[in-house]
Amino acid sequence: MRAGALILAMLAMAGPAAADTVQLYAAGSLKNALDSVAKAYETASGNKVAAKYGASGLLKTEISGGAKVDVFASANMQHPQALTAEKKSGPVVRFARNKLCALVKPGLTIDSANLLERMLDPGVKLGTSTPKADPSGDYAFEVFRKAEAIKPGAQSVLEKKALQLTGSRTSAAPPAGRSVYGWHIAEGRADIFLTYCTNALAALKENSGQQIIALPDNLAVGADYGLTVMNGAPPAAQRFADFIMSPEGQRILVSYGFTPGQ
């Protein structure tokens, strides 16, 4: 029996006798993908998943403060590792990978070769998420650090002009069902938005005229996503984490544009 089929069979046997609800805190960039993973897990196990999505740094702060959580799926490794260091959770596993892309407004002439020049242009509005609160912002600022090696002085210019439009507790929220990144571009608050490629793909489905530009190799930044199960969580939480890491869970994540974690 294949490993994925074996896990599904075990879930089916274990679930109905002791149905439980798994409280999931997860990065906002995972919402569509993990909603699908959770649905498959619920079907296989009989358990339920109640999810809260948001900026990983803000979620980590809530968990450190005592929020009741069973599984934490972060857009970086550092936040879950901090919870492990606080003895609040078990080991951290990399379960997915992502990378940064540039989401660009319609009509702006841009490609990977001139992306840095366009980001530095005083007339171009550059959007990012909020560093420290949201790993997406941290990754964007890593792009700025790489830019310094290409063009001295670029890091300071980019950090000063970056509009931190999302990821904080006070960030404006988009209308229900709208991608926050595509929404900001559509509303004219940013001309270029550095975000995860998976987020850019979701925005493009809602805003067909927007563009996705790959970062050139010398600016490219990858993102490792970390998963941890909290101490004292019910057995269903570990089974859900195992399902995320199973071939079936990984297949679903890949279908949303992520790269396997292992």
Protein backbone atom coordinates (compact mmCIF):
# COMPACT_ATOMS: atom_id res chain seq x y z
CA MET A 1 0.00 0.00 0.00
CA ARG A 2 1.35 3.44 -0.94
CA ALA A 3 2.31 5.74 1.95
CA GLY A 4 -0.44 8.23 1.14
CA ALA A 5 -3.11 5.53 0.96
CA LEU A 6 -1.87 4.05 4.24
CA ILE A 7 -2.20 7.42 6.03
CA LEU A 8 -5.71 7.89 4.64
CA ALA A 9 -6.69 4.41 5.79
CA MET A 10 -5.32 5.07 9.28
CA LEU A 11 -7.19 8.37 9.47
CA ALA A 12 -10.41 6.71 8.42
CA MET A 13 -10.04 4.13 11.16
CA ALA A 14 -8.97 6.57 13.87
CA GLY A 15 -11.38 9.46 13.22
CA PRO A 16 -15.01 8.48 13.84
CA ALA A 17 -14.40 6.82 17.21
CA ALA A 18 -12.92 9.98 18.71
CA ALA A 19 -13.88 12.92 16.50
CA ASP A 20 -12.11 16.11 17.50
CA THR A 21 -11.67 19.68 16.32
CA VAL A 22 -8.16 20.82 15.44
CA GLN A 23 -7.51 24.53 15.97
CA LEU A 24 -5.19 25.70 13.20
CA TYR A 25 -3.37 29.04 13.08
CA ALA A 26 -1.77 29.57 9.68
CA ALA A 27 -0.17 32.17 7.41
CA GLY A 28 -2.63 34.06 5.24
CA SER A 29 -0.80 32.95 2.10
CA LEU A 30 -1.82 29.36 2.93
CA LYS A 31 -5.56 29.97 3.20
CA ASN A 32 -6.79 28.50 -0.08
CA ALA A 33 -4.35 25.61 -0.01
CA LEU A 34 -4.84 24.62 3.63
CA ASP A 35 -8.60 24.99 3.37
CA SER A 36 -8.43 22.29 0.68
CA VAL A 37 -6.03 20.17 2.74
CA ALA A 38 -8.30 20.50 5.78
CA LYS A 39 -11.35 19.45 3.75
CA ALA A 40 -9.55 16.32 2.55
CA TYR A 41 -8.41 15.54 6.10
CA GLU A 42 -11.93 16.01 7.47
CA THR A 43 -13.34 13.65 4.85
CA ALA A 44 -10.73 11.02 5.62
CA SER A 45 -10.75 11.28 9.42
CA GLY A 46 -14.14 12.50 10.60
CA ASN A 47 -12.39 15.22 12.59
CA LYS A 48 -12.80 18.96 11.99
CA VAL A 49 -10.33 21.78 11.41
CA ALA A 50 -11.10 25.31 12.63
CA ALA A 51 -8.65 27.70 10.98
CA LYS A 52 -7.53 31.25 11.68
CA TYR A 53 -5.35 32.89 9.02
CA GLY A 54 -3.21 35.98 9.31
CA ALA A 55 0.32 37.37 9.40
CA SER A 56 2.56 34.70 10.91
CA GLY A 57 4.34 37.09 13.26
CA LEU A 58 1.07 38.37 14.70
CA LEU A 59 -0.24 34.81 15.10
CA LYS A 60 2.98 33.76 16.83
CA THR A 61 2.55 36.64 19.30
CA GLU A 62 -1.01 35.48 20.04
CA ILE A 63 0.18 31.93 20.65
CA SER A 64 2.99 33.10 22.92
CA GLY A 65 0.37 35.07 24.83
CA GLY A 66 -1.72 31.98 25.50
CA ALA A 67 -4.07 31.60 22.52
CA LYS A 68 -5.55 28.10 22.30
CA VAL A 69 -3.95 26.55 19.22
CA ASP A 70 -3.18 22.98 18.20
CA VAL A 71 -1.22 23.39 14.96
CA PHE A 72 0.75 26.43 13.74
CA ALA A 73 1.71 26.72 10.05
CA SER A 74 4.00 29.71 9.48
CA ALA A 75 5.37 31.36 6.35
CA ASN A 76 8.84 31.11 7.86
CA MET A 77 10.74 28.74 10.12
CA GLN A 78 11.71 31.30 12.78
CA HIS A 79 8.28 31.90 14.33
CA PRO A 80 7.46 28.24 15.01
CA GLN A 81 11.04 27.63 16.14
CA ALA A 82 10.60 30.42 18.68
CA LEU A 83 7.55 28.61 20.08
CA THR A 84 9.56 25.40 20.31
CA ALA A 85 12.29 27.31 22.17
CA GLU A 86 9.60 28.56 24.56
CA LYS A 87 8.65 24.89 25.13
CA LYS A 88 5.17 25.55 23.79
CA SER A 89 5.39 23.17 20.85
CA GLY A 90 7.15 20.16 19.41
CA PRO A 91 9.71 20.01 16.60
CA VAL A 92 9.36 22.25 13.55
CA VAL A 93 9.06 20.66 10.11
CA ARG A 94 9.44 22.45 6.79
CA PHE A 95 6.25 21.50 4.95
CA ALA A 96 6.24 23.84 1.93
CA ARG A 97 8.34 26.32 0.01
CA ASN A 98 7.42 29.50 -1.80
CA LYS A 99 9.24 32.44 -3.39
CA LEU A 100 8.74 36.13 -3.98
CA CYS A 101 7.39 37.61 -7.20
CA ALA A 102 6.45 41.13 -8.25
CA LEU A 103 2.76 41.76 -8.88
CA VAL A 104 2.53 44.71 -11.29
CA LYS A 105 -0.28 47.00 -12.41
CA PRO A 106 -1.55 46.77 -15.99
CA GLY A 107 0.31 48.87 -18.53
CA LEU A 108 3.56 49.30 -16.62
CA THR A 109 6.40 48.27 -18.92
CA ILE A 110 8.51 45.94 -16.83
CA ASP A 111 10.43 42.68 -16.93
CA SER A 112 12.89 40.84 -14.72
CA ALA A 113 15.83 42.71 -16.22
CA ASN A 114 14.55 46.20 -15.37
CA LEU A 115 12.61 45.33 -12.19
CA LEU A 116 15.14 46.95 -9.85
CA GLU A 117 15.25 50.11 -11.95
CA ARG A 118 11.46 50.30 -11.86
CA MET A 119 11.29 49.72 -8.10
CA LEU A 120 13.79 52.56 -7.59
CA ASP A 121 11.84 54.94 -9.86
CA PRO A 122 10.47 57.78 -7.65
CA GLY A 123 7.27 57.78 -9.70
CA VAL A 124 6.51 54.11 -9.04
CA LYS A 125 4.64 53.15 -5.86
CA LEU A 126 6.18 50.04 -4.26
CA GLY A 127 4.09 47.91 -1.92
CA THR A 128 5.21 45.31 0.63
CA SER A 129 3.83 43.63 3.69
CA THR A 130 4.97 44.65 7.18
CA PRO A 131 8.36 43.29 8.33
CA LYS A 132 8.46 41.41 11.66
CA ALA A 133 4.67 41.15 11.76
CA ASP A 134 4.55 39.26 8.45
CA PRO A 135 7.37 37.19 6.94
CA SER A 136 6.38 38.41 3.48
CA GLY A 137 7.59 41.85 4.55
CA ASP A 138 10.83 40.37 5.89
CA TYR A 139 11.42 38.59 2.59
CA ALA A 140 10.75 41.81 0.65
CA PHE A 141 13.32 43.66 2.74
CA GLU A 142 15.75 40.81 2.02
CA VAL A 143 15.26 41.68 -1.66
CA PHE A 144 16.24 45.25 -0.78
CA ARG A 145 19.41 44.00 0.92
CA LYS A 146 20.31 42.07 -2.21
CA ALA A 147 19.67 45.18 -4.28
CA GLU A 148 22.39 46.98 -2.33
CA ALA A 149 25.01 44.62 -3.79
CA ILE A 150 23.82 45.47 -7.30
CA LYS A 151 23.40 49.21 -6.88
CA PRO A 152 24.96 50.89 -3.82
CA GLY A 153 22.41 53.00 -1.98
CA ALA A 154 19.45 51.01 -3.32
CA GLN A 155 18.63 49.38 0.01
CA SER A 156 18.06 52.66 1.80
CA VAL A 157 15.97 54.09 -1.05
CA LEU A 158 13.77 50.99 -1.27
CA GLU A 159 13.26 50.69 2.49
CA LYS A 160 12.20 54.32 2.71
CA LYS A 161 9.80 54.22 -0.23
CA ALA A 162 8.24 50.81 0.54
CA LEU A 163 4.55 51.19 1.40
CA GLN A 164 3.79 48.59 4.07
CA LEU A 165 0.18 48.10 3.00
CA THR A 166 -0.68 44.81 4.67
CA GLY A 167 0.39 42.46 7.44
CA SER A 168 -0.11 44.72 10.47
CA ARG A 169 -3.01 44.89 12.91
CA THR A 170 -4.08 48.24 11.44
CA SER A 171 -3.77 47.35 7.74
CA ALA A 172 -6.79 47.99 5.55
CA ALA A 173 -8.73 44.83 4.77
CA PRO A 174 -9.97 44.08 1.23
CA PRO A 175 -13.61 43.31 0.44
CA ALA A 176 -14.63 39.73 1.21
CA GLY A 177 -13.25 37.26 -1.29
CA ARG A 178 -10.66 39.67 -2.73
CA SER A 179 -6.90 39.17 -2.73
CA VAL A 180 -5.40 41.98 -0.65
CA TYR A 181 -2.46 42.33 -3.07
CA GLY A 182 -4.51 42.50 -6.25
CA TRP A 183 -6.94 44.83 -4.48
CA HIS A 184 -4.20 47.32 -3.54
CA ILE A 185 -2.88 47.28 -7.10
CA ALA A 186 -6.37 47.69 -8.56
CA GLU A 187 -7.13 50.59 -6.22
CA GLY A 188 -3.90 52.36 -7.21
CA ARG A 189 -2.19 52.20 -3.83
CA ALA A 190 0.76 50.33 -5.35
CA ASP A 191 2.17 49.94 -8.84
CA ILE A 192 4.46 47.06 -7.88
CA PHE A 193 3.79 44.75 -4.94
CA LEU A 194 6.41 42.30 -3.71
CA THR A 195 4.54 39.24 -2.50
CA TYR A 196 4.63 35.45 -2.66
CA CYS A 197 4.26 34.02 -6.14
CA THR A 198 1.26 32.01 -4.90
CA ASN A 199 -0.43 35.24 -3.78
CA ALA A 200 0.35 36.86 -7.12
CA LEU A 201 -1.29 33.94 -8.95
CA ALA A 202 -4.42 34.31 -6.81
CA ALA A 203 -4.49 38.07 -7.53
CA LEU A 204 -4.12 37.47 -11.25
CA LYS A 205 -7.23 35.26 -11.28
CA GLU A 206 -9.23 38.24 -9.95
CA ASN A 207 -7.45 40.93 -12.01
CA SER A 208 -6.55 39.57 -15.43
CA GLY A 209 -4.71 42.70 -16.56
CA GLN A 210 -2.16 42.60 -13.75
CA GLN A 211 1.27 41.12 -14.40
CA ILE A 212 3.49 38.67 -12.52
CA ILE A 213 7.21 39.32 -12.88
CA ALA A 214 9.81 36.82 -11.69
CA LEU A 215 12.63 38.29 -9.63
CA PRO A 216 16.03 37.97 -11.37
CA ASP A 217 18.47 35.51 -9.82
CA ASN A 218 20.44 38.25 -8.07
CA LEU A 219 17.30 39.48 -6.29
CA ALA A 220 15.50 36.16 -5.82
CA VAL A 221 14.34 35.25 -2.32
CA GLY A 222 12.81 31.93 -1.29
CA ALA A 223 10.46 31.24 1.61
CA ASP A 224 10.50 28.13 3.82
CA TYR A 225 7.22 27.36 5.62
CA GLY A 226 7.40 25.74 9.06
CA LEU A 227 4.83 23.54 10.83
CA THR A 228 4.65 22.69 14.53
CA VAL A 229 2.14 20.92 16.81
CA MET A 230 1.53 22.59 20.15
CA ASN A 231 2.19 20.78 23.41
CA GLY A 232 -0.99 19.32 24.87
CA ALA A 233 -2.80 19.26 21.52
CA PRO A 234 -5.20 16.33 20.93
CA PRO A 235 -4.00 13.32 18.89
CA ALA A 236 -6.05 14.60 15.95
CA ALA A 237 -3.66 17.57 15.69
CA GLN A 238 -0.65 15.36 15.06
CA ARG A 239 -2.69 13.33 12.57
CA PHE A 240 -3.58 16.55 10.75
CA ALA A 241 0.10 17.60 10.68
CA ASP A 242 1.00 14.16 9.34
CA PHE A 243 -1.68 14.53 6.68
CA ILE A 244 -0.19 17.87 5.56
CA MET A 245 3.16 16.10 5.15
CA SER A 246 1.62 13.07 3.40
CA PRO A 247 1.76 12.66 -0.40
CA GLU A 248 -1.90 13.70 -0.59
CA GLY A 249 -1.38 16.85 1.49
CA GLN A 250 1.73 17.79 -0.46
CA ARG A 251 -0.07 17.20 -3.76
CA ILE A 252 -2.77 19.69 -2.74
CA LEU A 253 -0.17 22.30 -1.71
CA VAL A 254 1.63 21.89 -5.05
CA SER A 255 -1.66 22.39 -6.90
CA TYR A 256 -1.80 25.88 -5.34
CA GLY A 257 1.72 26.78 -6.51
CA PHE A 258 3.81 25.73 -3.51
CA THR A 259 6.91 23.53 -3.75
CA PRO A 260 7.12 20.44 -1.52
CA GLY A 261 8.79 21.05 1.82
CA GLN A 262 11.02 17.99 1.81
